[in-house]
Amino acid sequence: MREIFLDARHLEHPEPLEKAIASLKQLDESSYFYMLHRREPIPLLALASEHNLNLLSELKDDGNWHIIISPNRSVNLDQYIYVRV
C-alpha cells in the first residue's frame, strides 16, 4: 500500500486539517494517509467517520497521535502504525 504522510506536529491551526483533507482526496483503495499530530485531531476523525473511512487513531508512548486513514475498509491498519522520530 502506498503511504501519504503528513507530520503536523509543528503546524498551527487550521493547517493540519487543511493539509489532511487535501491528502485524503488523493487516496484510493491501495493507499493510506498517515499523520503525526501533537493533539488528537477530532475534526479530522469526525470527517473520516462521516465518510465511512477505515480509521486508526492512537496516542503512542512518544507522546504523539498517530492517525491512519484509508478508504479500503478491508485492510488492517494496525500493520502500518509505527513510532517515527
PDB file of N, CA and C in Angstrom:
ATOM      1  N   MET A   1       0.849  -1.183   0.000  1.00  0.00           N
ATOM      2  CA  MET A   1       0.000   0.000   0.000  1.00  0.00           C
ATOM      3  C   MET A   1       0.890   1.241   0.000  1.00  0.00           C
ATOM      4  N   ARG A   2       0.437   2.226  -0.717  1.00  0.00           N
ATOM      5  CA  ARG A   2       1.165   3.489  -0.824  1.00  0.00           C
ATOM      6  C   ARG A   2       0.781   4.389   0.349  1.00  0.00           C
ATOM      7  N   GLU A   3       1.781   5.002   0.959  1.00  0.00           N
ATOM      8  CA  GLU A   3       1.558   5.879   2.100  1.00  0.00           C
ATOM      9  C   GLU A   3       1.648   7.340   1.683  1.00  0.00           C
ATOM     10  N   ILE A   4       0.699   8.139   2.170  1.00  0.00           N
ATOM     11  CA  ILE A   4       0.759   9.591   2.071  1.00  0.00           C
ATOM     12  C   ILE A   4       0.964  10.076   3.501  1.00  0.00           C
ATOM     13  N   PHE A   5       2.109  10.707   3.770  1.00  0.00           N
ATOM     14  CA  PHE A   5       2.497  11.045   5.134  1.00  0.00           C
ATOM     15  C   PHE A   5       2.445  12.550   5.375  1.00  0.00           C
ATOM     16  N   LEU A   6       1.957  12.917   6.567  1.00  0.00           N
ATOM     17  CA  LEU A   6       1.939  14.316   6.990  1.00  0.00           C
ATOM     18  C   LEU A   6       2.401  14.397   8.439  1.00  0.00           C
ATOM     19  N   ASP A   7       3.460  15.131   8.677  1.00  0.00           N
ATOM     20  CA  ASP A   7       3.917  15.422  10.030  1.00  0.00           C
ATOM     21  C   ASP A   7       3.337  16.788  10.400  1.00  0.00           C
ATOM     22  N   ALA A   8       2.290  16.768  11.204  1.00  0.00           N
ATOM     23  CA  ALA A   8       1.591  18.004  11.566  1.00  0.00           C
ATOM     24  C   ALA A   8       1.955  18.490  12.963  1.00  0.00           C
ATOM     25  N   ARG A   9       2.966  17.917  13.562  1.00  0.00           N
ATOM     26  CA  ARG A   9       3.318  18.250  14.946  1.00  0.00           C
ATOM     27  C   ARG A   9       3.697  19.712  15.132  1.00  0.00           C
ATOM     28  N   HIS A  10       4.212  20.343  14.096  1.00  0.00           N
ATOM     29  CA  HIS A  10       4.679  21.725  14.232  1.00  0.00           C
ATOM     30  C   HIS A  10       3.823  22.705  13.438  1.00  0.00           C
ATOM     31  N   LEU A  11       2.722  22.226  12.899  1.00  0.00           N
ATOM     32  CA  LEU A  11       1.820  23.094  12.144  1.00  0.00           C
ATOM     33  C   LEU A  11       0.792  23.725  13.083  1.00  0.00           C
ATOM     34  N   GLU A  12       0.375  24.922  12.758  1.00  0.00           N
ATOM     35  CA  GLU A  12      -0.629  25.628  13.550  1.00  0.00           C
ATOM     36  C   GLU A  12      -1.996  25.531  12.870  1.00  0.00           C
ATOM     37  N   HIS A  13      -3.033  25.570  13.685  1.00  0.00           N
ATOM     38  CA  HIS A  13      -4.420  25.531  13.202  1.00  0.00           C
ATOM     39  C   HIS A  13      -4.643  26.666  12.206  1.00  0.00           C
ATOM     40  N   PRO A  14      -5.298  26.429  11.095  1.00  0.00           N
ATOM     41  CA  PRO A  14      -6.011  25.241  10.628  1.00  0.00           C
ATOM     42  C   PRO A  14      -5.208  24.390   9.633  1.00  0.00           C
ATOM     43  N   GLU A  15      -3.909  24.636   9.548  1.00  0.00           N
ATOM     44  CA  GLU A  15      -3.073  23.962   8.552  1.00  0.00           C
ATOM     45  C   GLU A  15      -3.133  22.434   8.601  1.00  0.00           C
ATOM     46  N   PRO A  16      -3.085  21.791   9.775  1.00  0.00           N
ATOM     47  CA  PRO A  16      -3.135  20.324   9.774  1.00  0.00           C
ATOM     48  C   PRO A  16      -4.394  19.762   9.113  1.00  0.00           C
ATOM     49  N   LEU A  17      -5.538  20.337   9.431  1.00  0.00           N
ATOM     50  CA  LEU A  17      -6.784  19.850   8.848  1.00  0.00           C
ATOM     51  C   LEU A  17      -6.833  20.118   7.348  1.00  0.00           C
ATOM     52  N   GLU A  18      -6.414  21.289   6.936  1.00  0.00           N
ATOM     53  CA  GLU A  18      -6.414  21.620   5.505  1.00  0.00           C
ATOM     54  C   GLU A  18      -5.519  20.667   4.721  1.00  0.00           C
ATOM     55  N   LYS A  19      -4.321  20.431   5.226  1.00  0.00           N
ATOM     56  CA  LYS A  19      -3.390  19.532   4.526  1.00  0.00           C
ATOM     57  C   LYS A  19      -3.896  18.094   4.568  1.00  0.00           C
ATOM     58  N   ALA A  20      -4.501  17.693   5.671  1.00  0.00           N
ATOM     59  CA  ALA A  20      -5.032  16.335   5.784  1.00  0.00           C
ATOM     60  C   ALA A  20      -6.161  16.118   4.774  1.00  0.00           C
ATOM     61  N   ILE A  21      -7.055  17.073   4.649  1.00  0.00           N
ATOM     62  CA  ILE A  21      -8.159  16.948   3.692  1.00  0.00           C
ATOM     63  C   ILE A  21      -7.620  16.857   2.268  1.00  0.00           C
ATOM     64  N   ALA A  22      -6.625  17.658   1.940  1.00  0.00           N
ATOM     65  CA  ALA A  22      -6.015  17.585   0.601  1.00  0.00           C
ATOM     66  C   ALA A  22      -5.407  16.206   0.369  1.00  0.00           C
ATOM     67  N   SER A  23      -4.781  15.633   1.391  1.00  0.00           N
ATOM     68  CA  SER A  23      -4.196  14.304   1.268  1.00  0.00           C
ATOM     69  C   SER A  23      -5.264  13.227   1.117  1.00  0.00           C
ATOM     70  N   LEU A  24      -6.355  13.350   1.864  1.00  0.00           N
ATOM     71  CA  LEU A  24      -7.428  12.359   1.775  1.00  0.00           C
ATOM     72  C   LEU A  24      -8.031  12.300   0.375  1.00  0.00           C
ATOM     73  N   LYS A  25      -8.052  13.424  -0.302  1.00  0.00           N
ATOM     74  CA  LYS A  25      -8.587  13.467  -1.667  1.00  0.00           C
ATOM     75  C   LYS A  25      -7.736  12.670  -2.647  1.00  0.00           C
ATOM     76  N   GLN A  26      -6.478  12.392  -2.290  1.00  0.00           N
ATOM     77  CA  GLN A  26      -5.565  11.640  -3.158  1.00  0.00           C
ATOM     78  C   GLN A  26      -5.657  10.127  -2.943  1.00  0.00           C
ATOM     79  N   LEU A  27      -6.374   9.698  -1.915  1.00  0.00           N
ATOM     80  CA  LEU A  27      -6.408   8.285  -1.558  1.00  0.00           C
ATOM     81  C   LEU A  27      -7.235   7.450  -2.527  1.00  0.00           C
ATOM     82  N   ASP A  28      -6.780   6.218  -2.710  1.00  0.00           N
ATOM     83  CA  ASP A  28      -7.568   5.216  -3.420  1.00  0.00           C
ATOM     84  C   ASP A  28      -7.495   3.926  -2.611  1.00  0.00           C
ATOM     85  N   GLU A  29      -8.036   2.854  -3.121  1.00  0.00           N
ATOM     86  CA  GLU A  29      -8.111   1.596  -2.383  1.00  0.00           C
ATOM     87  C   GLU A  29      -6.743   1.001  -2.051  1.00  0.00           C
ATOM     88  N   SER A  30      -5.706   1.450  -2.726  1.00  0.00           N
ATOM     89  CA  SER A  30      -4.373   0.894  -2.479  1.00  0.00           C
ATOM     90  C   SER A  30      -3.450   1.897  -1.778  1.00  0.00           C
ATOM     91  N   SER A  31      -4.036   2.834  -1.035  1.00  0.00           N
ATOM     92  CA  SER A  31      -3.222   3.823  -0.329  1.00  0.00           C
ATOM     93  C   SER A  31      -3.837   4.146   1.025  1.00  0.00           C
ATOM     94  N   TYR A  32      -3.012   4.763   1.855  1.00  0.00           N
ATOM     95  CA  TYR A  32      -3.483   5.217   3.158  1.00  0.00           C
ATOM     96  C   TYR A  32      -2.774   6.509   3.525  1.00  0.00           C
ATOM     97  N   PHE A  33      -3.403   7.260   4.414  1.00  0.00           N
ATOM     98  CA  PHE A  33      -2.883   8.521   4.915  1.00  0.00           C
ATOM     99  C   PHE A  33      -2.375   8.290   6.334  1.00  0.00           C
ATOM    100  N   TYR A  34      -1.163   8.735   6.614  1.00  0.00           N
ATOM    101  CA  TYR A  34      -0.557   8.594   7.939  1.00  0.00           C
ATOM    102  C   TYR A  34      -0.185   9.986   8.425  1.00  0.00           C
ATOM    103  N   MET A  35      -0.733  10.376   9.572  1.00  0.00           N
ATOM    104  CA  MET A  35      -0.446  11.700  10.112  1.00  0.00           C
ATOM    105  C   MET A  35       0.049  11.589  11.547  1.00  0.00           C
ATOM    106  N   LEU A  36       1.073  12.363  11.852  1.00  0.00           N
ATOM    107  CA  LEU A  36       1.531  12.545  13.222  1.00  0.00           C
ATOM    108  C   LEU A  36       1.036  13.913  13.684  1.00  0.00           C
ATOM    109  N   HIS A  37       0.496  13.963  14.891  1.00  0.00           N
ATOM    110  CA  HIS A  37      -0.017  15.225  15.418  1.00  0.00           C
ATOM    111  C   HIS A  37       0.247  15.266  16.920  1.00  0.00           C
ATOM    112  N   ARG A  38       0.453  16.450  17.432  1.00  0.00           N
ATOM    113  CA  ARG A  38       0.712  16.589  18.870  1.00  0.00           C
ATOM    114  C   ARG A  38      -0.578  16.520  19.680  1.00  0.00           C
ATOM    115  N   ARG A  39      -1.722  16.718  19.018  1.00  0.00           N
ATOM    116  CA  ARG A  39      -3.026  16.646  19.686  1.00  0.00           C
ATOM    117  C   ARG A  39      -3.949  15.753  18.869  1.00  0.00           C
ATOM    118  N   GLU A  40      -4.991  15.259  19.508  1.00  0.00           N
ATOM    119  CA  GLU A  40      -5.953  14.425  18.798  1.00  0.00           C
ATOM    120  C   GLU A  40      -6.749  15.302  17.830  1.00  0.00           C
ATOM    121  N   PRO A  41      -6.694  15.008  16.534  1.00  0.00           N
ATOM    122  CA  PRO A  41      -7.374  15.845  15.532  1.00  0.00           C
ATOM    123  C   PRO A  41      -8.853  15.466  15.395  1.00  0.00           C
ATOM    124  N   ILE A  42      -9.644  15.861  16.365  1.00  0.00           N
ATOM    125  CA  ILE A  42     -11.046  15.459  16.440  1.00  0.00           C
ATOM    126  C   ILE A  42     -11.841  15.818  15.180  1.00  0.00           C
ATOM    127  N   PRO A  43     -11.695  17.022  14.606  1.00  0.00           N
ATOM    128  CA  PRO A  43     -12.451  17.317  13.375  1.00  0.00           C
ATOM    129  C   PRO A  43     -12.102  16.360  12.220  1.00  0.00           C
ATOM    130  N   LEU A  44     -10.830  16.003  12.093  1.00  0.00           N
ATOM    131  CA  LEU A  44     -10.419  15.075  11.041  1.00  0.00           C
ATOM    132  C   LEU A  44     -11.001  13.685  11.286  1.00  0.00           C
ATOM    133  N   LEU A  45     -10.981  13.239  12.523  1.00  0.00           N
ATOM    134  CA  LEU A  45     -11.528  11.929  12.854  1.00  0.00           C
ATOM    135  C   LEU A  45     -13.029  11.881  12.592  1.00  0.00           C
ATOM    136  N   ALA A  46     -13.723  12.961  12.924  1.00  0.00           N
ATOM    137  CA  ALA A  46     -15.162  13.034  12.664  1.00  0.00           C
ATOM    138  C   ALA A  46     -15.440  13.002  11.164  1.00  0.00           C
ATOM    139  N   LEU A  47     -14.650  13.722  10.399  1.00  0.00           N
ATOM    140  CA  LEU A  47     -14.809  13.738   8.947  1.00  0.00           C
ATOM    141  C   LEU A  47     -14.589  12.346   8.352  1.00  0.00           C
ATOM    142  N   ALA A  48     -13.553  11.668   8.816  1.00  0.00           N
ATOM    143  CA  ALA A  48     -13.266  10.313   8.319  1.00  0.00           C
ATOM    144  C   ALA A  48     -14.400   9.362   8.671  1.00  0.00           C
ATOM    145  N   SER A  49     -14.932   9.483   9.865  1.00  0.00           N
ATOM    146  CA  SER A  49     -16.058   8.633  10.275  1.00  0.00           C
ATOM    147  C   SER A  49     -17.299   8.910   9.448  1.00  0.00           C
ATOM    148  N   GLU A  50     -17.578  10.182   9.200  1.00  0.00           N
ATOM    149  CA  GLU A  50     -18.747  10.560   8.392  1.00  0.00           C
ATOM    150  C   GLU A  50     -18.673   9.968   6.990  1.00  0.00           C
ATOM    151  N   HIS A  51     -17.457   9.837   6.461  1.00  0.00           N
ATOM    152  CA  HIS A  51     -17.275   9.304   5.111  1.00  0.00           C
ATOM    153  C   HIS A  51     -17.004   7.797   5.118  1.00  0.00           C
ATOM    154  N   ASN A  52     -17.205   7.182   6.282  1.00  0.00           N
ATOM    155  CA  ASN A  52     -17.074   5.732   6.426  1.00  0.00           C
ATOM    156  C   ASN A  52     -15.706   5.208   5.994  1.00  0.00           C
ATOM    157  N   LEU A  53     -14.657   5.982   6.330  1.00  0.00           N
ATOM    158  CA  LEU A  53     -13.299   5.575   6.008  1.00  0.00           C
ATOM    159  C   LEU A  53     -12.748   4.677   7.114  1.00  0.00           C
ATOM    160  N   ASN A  54     -11.837   3.812   6.757  1.00  0.00           N
ATOM    161  CA  ASN A  54     -11.139   2.957   7.703  1.00  0.00           C
ATOM    162  C   ASN A  54     -10.200   3.861   8.503  1.00  0.00           C
ATOM    163  N   LEU A  55     -10.251   3.798   9.822  1.00  0.00           N
ATOM    164  CA  LEU A  55      -9.576   4.780  10.655  1.00  0.00           C
ATOM    165  C   LEU A  55      -8.912   4.122  11.856  1.00  0.00           C
ATOM    166  N   LEU A  56      -7.699   4.568  12.135  1.00  0.00           N
ATOM    167  CA  LEU A  56      -6.985   4.162  13.346  1.00  0.00           C
ATOM    168  C   LEU A  56      -6.356   5.414  13.937  1.00  0.00           C
ATOM    169  N   SER A  57      -6.591   5.655  15.224  1.00  0.00           N
ATOM    170  CA  SER A  57      -6.030   6.817  15.907  1.00  0.00           C
ATOM    171  C   SER A  57      -5.541   6.361  17.267  1.00  0.00           C
ATOM    172  N   GLU A  58      -4.244   6.544  17.516  1.00  0.00           N
ATOM    173  CA  GLU A  58      -3.660   6.093  18.779  1.00  0.00           C
ATOM    174  C   GLU A  58      -2.670   7.120  19.314  1.00  0.00           C
ATOM    175  N   LEU A  59      -2.719   7.318  20.618  1.00  0.00           N
ATOM    176  CA  LEU A  59      -1.701   8.106  21.303  1.00  0.00           C
ATOM    177  C   LEU A  59      -0.605   7.131  21.708  1.00  0.00           C
ATOM    178  N   LYS A  60       0.592   7.313  21.144  1.00  0.00           N
ATOM    179  CA  LYS A  60       1.693   6.382  21.388  1.00  0.00           C
ATOM    180  C   LYS A  60       2.593   6.899  22.506  1.00  0.00           C
ATOM    181  N   ASP A  61       3.494   6.027  22.946  1.00  0.00           N
ATOM    182  CA  ASP A  61       4.421   6.360  24.029  1.00  0.00           C
ATOM    183  C   ASP A  61       5.322   7.546  23.697  1.00  0.00           C
ATOM    184  N   ASP A  62       5.463   7.856  22.411  1.00  0.00           N
ATOM    185  CA  ASP A  62       6.292   9.004  22.034  1.00  0.00           C
ATOM    186  C   ASP A  62       5.573  10.331  22.278  1.00  0.00           C
ATOM    187  N   GLY A  63       4.313  10.271  22.772  1.00  0.00           N
ATOM    188  CA  GLY A  63       3.549  11.474  23.089  1.00  0.00           C
ATOM    189  C   GLY A  63       2.820  12.076  21.908  1.00  0.00           C
ATOM    190  N   ASN A  64       2.853  11.402  20.784  1.00  0.00           N
ATOM    191  CA  ASN A  64       2.206  11.906  19.573  1.00  0.00           C
ATOM    192  C   ASN A  64       1.018  11.031  19.195  1.00  0.00           C
ATOM    193  N   TRP A  65       0.049  11.678  18.555  1.00  0.00           N
ATOM    194  CA  TRP A  65      -1.076  10.948  17.984  1.00  0.00           C
ATOM    195  C   TRP A  65      -0.658  10.426  16.619  1.00  0.00           C
ATOM    196  N   HIS A  66      -0.923   9.169  16.380  1.00  0.00           N
ATOM    197  CA  HIS A  66      -0.656   8.514  15.106  1.00  0.00           C
ATOM    198  C   HIS A  66      -2.010   8.189  14.496  1.00  0.00           C
ATOM    199  N   ILE A  67      -2.288   8.799  13.357  1.00  0.00           N
ATOM    200  CA  ILE A  67      -3.581   8.648  12.702  1.00  0.00           C
ATOM    201  C   ILE A  67      -3.361   8.018  11.335  1.00  0.00           C
ATOM    202  N   ILE A  68      -4.102   6.956  11.071  1.00  0.00           N
ATOM    203  CA  ILE A  68      -4.033   6.301   9.768  1.00  0.00           C
ATOM    204  C   ILE A  68      -5.451   6.213   9.226  1.00  0.00           C
ATOM    205  N   ILE A  69      -5.615   6.611   7.964  1.00  0.00           N
ATOM    206  CA  ILE A  69      -6.932   6.615   7.324  1.00  0.00           C
ATOM    207  C   ILE A  69      -6.792   6.025   5.930  1.00  0.00           C
ATOM    208  N   SER A  70      -7.743   5.149   5.587  1.00  0.00           N
ATOM    209  CA  SER A  70      -7.755   4.562   4.249  1.00  0.00           C
ATOM    210  C   SER A  70      -9.202   4.344   3.807  1.00  0.00           C
ATOM    211  N   PRO A  71      -9.462   4.491   2.511  1.00  0.00           N
ATOM    212  CA  PRO A  71     -10.798   4.166   2.025  1.00  0.00           C
ATOM    213  C   PRO A  71     -11.029   2.649   1.947  1.00  0.00           C
ATOM    214  N   ASN A  72      -9.948   1.883   2.013  1.00  0.00           N
ATOM    215  CA  ASN A  72     -10.040   0.427   1.934  1.00  0.00           C
ATOM    216  C   ASN A  72     -10.425  -0.119   3.308  1.00  0.00           C
ATOM    217  N   ARG A  73     -11.681  -0.514   3.464  1.00  0.00           N
ATOM    218  CA  ARG A  73     -12.190  -0.975   4.758  1.00  0.00           C
ATOM    219  C   ARG A  73     -11.699  -2.376   5.113  1.00  0.00           C
ATOM    220  N   SER A  74     -11.134  -3.096   4.158  1.00  0.00           N
ATOM    221  CA  SER A  74     -10.716  -4.471   4.427  1.00  0.00           C
ATOM    222  C   SER A  74      -9.275  -4.578   4.932  1.00  0.00           C
ATOM    223  N   VAL A  75      -8.521  -3.504   4.880  1.00  0.00           N
ATOM    224  CA  VAL A  75      -7.123  -3.550   5.301  1.00  0.00           C
ATOM    225  C   VAL A  75      -7.021  -3.336   6.823  1.00  0.00           C
ATOM    226  N   ASN A  76      -6.115  -4.080   7.452  1.00  0.00           N
ATOM    227  CA  ASN A  76      -5.848  -3.930   8.876  1.00  0.00           C
ATOM    228  C   ASN A  76      -4.816  -2.820   9.055  1.00  0.00           C
ATOM    229  N   LEU A  77      -5.243  -1.676   9.521  1.00  0.00           N
ATOM    230  CA  LEU A  77      -4.362  -0.516   9.641  1.00  0.00           C
ATOM    231  C   LEU A  77      -3.316  -0.676  10.735  1.00  0.00           C
ATOM    232  N   ASP A  78      -3.554  -1.569  11.687  1.00  0.00           N
ATOM    233  CA  ASP A  78      -2.573  -1.800  12.749  1.00  0.00           C
ATOM    234  C   ASP A  78      -1.199  -2.166  12.197  1.00  0.00           C
ATOM    235  N   GLN A  79      -1.165  -2.814  11.060  1.00  0.00           N
ATOM    236  CA  GLN A  79       0.112  -3.248  10.500  1.00  0.00           C
ATOM    237  C   GLN A  79       0.949  -2.078   9.986  1.00  0.00           C
ATOM    238  N   TYR A  80       0.358  -0.913   9.829  1.00  0.00           N
ATOM    239  CA  TYR A  80       1.077   0.233   9.282  1.00  0.00           C
ATOM    240  C   TYR A  80       1.507   1.247  10.348  1.00  0.00           C
ATOM    241  N   ILE A  81       1.075   1.066  11.588  1.00  0.00           N
ATOM    242  CA  ILE A  81       1.420   2.046  12.612  1.00  0.00           C
ATOM    243  C   ILE A  81       2.792   1.722  13.207  1.00  0.00           C
ATOM    244  N   TYR A  82       3.606   2.742  13.351  1.00  0.00           N
ATOM    245  CA  TYR A  82       4.915   2.594  13.971  1.00  0.00           C
ATOM    246  C   TYR A  82       5.372   3.947  14.500  1.00  0.00           C
ATOM    247  N   VAL A  83       6.274   3.923  15.435  1.00  0.00           N
ATOM    248  CA  VAL A  83       6.778   5.158  16.041  1.00  0.00           C
ATOM    249  C   VAL A  83       7.818   5.765  15.122  1.00  0.00           C
ATOM    250  N   ARG A  84       7.630   7.012  14.827  1.00  0.00           N
ATOM    251  CA  ARG A  84       8.546   7.756  13.953  1.00  0.00           C
ATOM    252  C   ARG A  84       9.287   8.776  14.791  1.00  0.00           C
ATOM    253  N   VAL A  85      10.440   9.147  14.321  1.00  0.00           N
ATOM    254  CA  VAL A  85      11.219  10.161  15.043  1.00  0.00           C
ATOM    255  C   VAL A  85      11.195  11.470  14.305  1.00  0.00           C
TER     256      VAL A  85
END
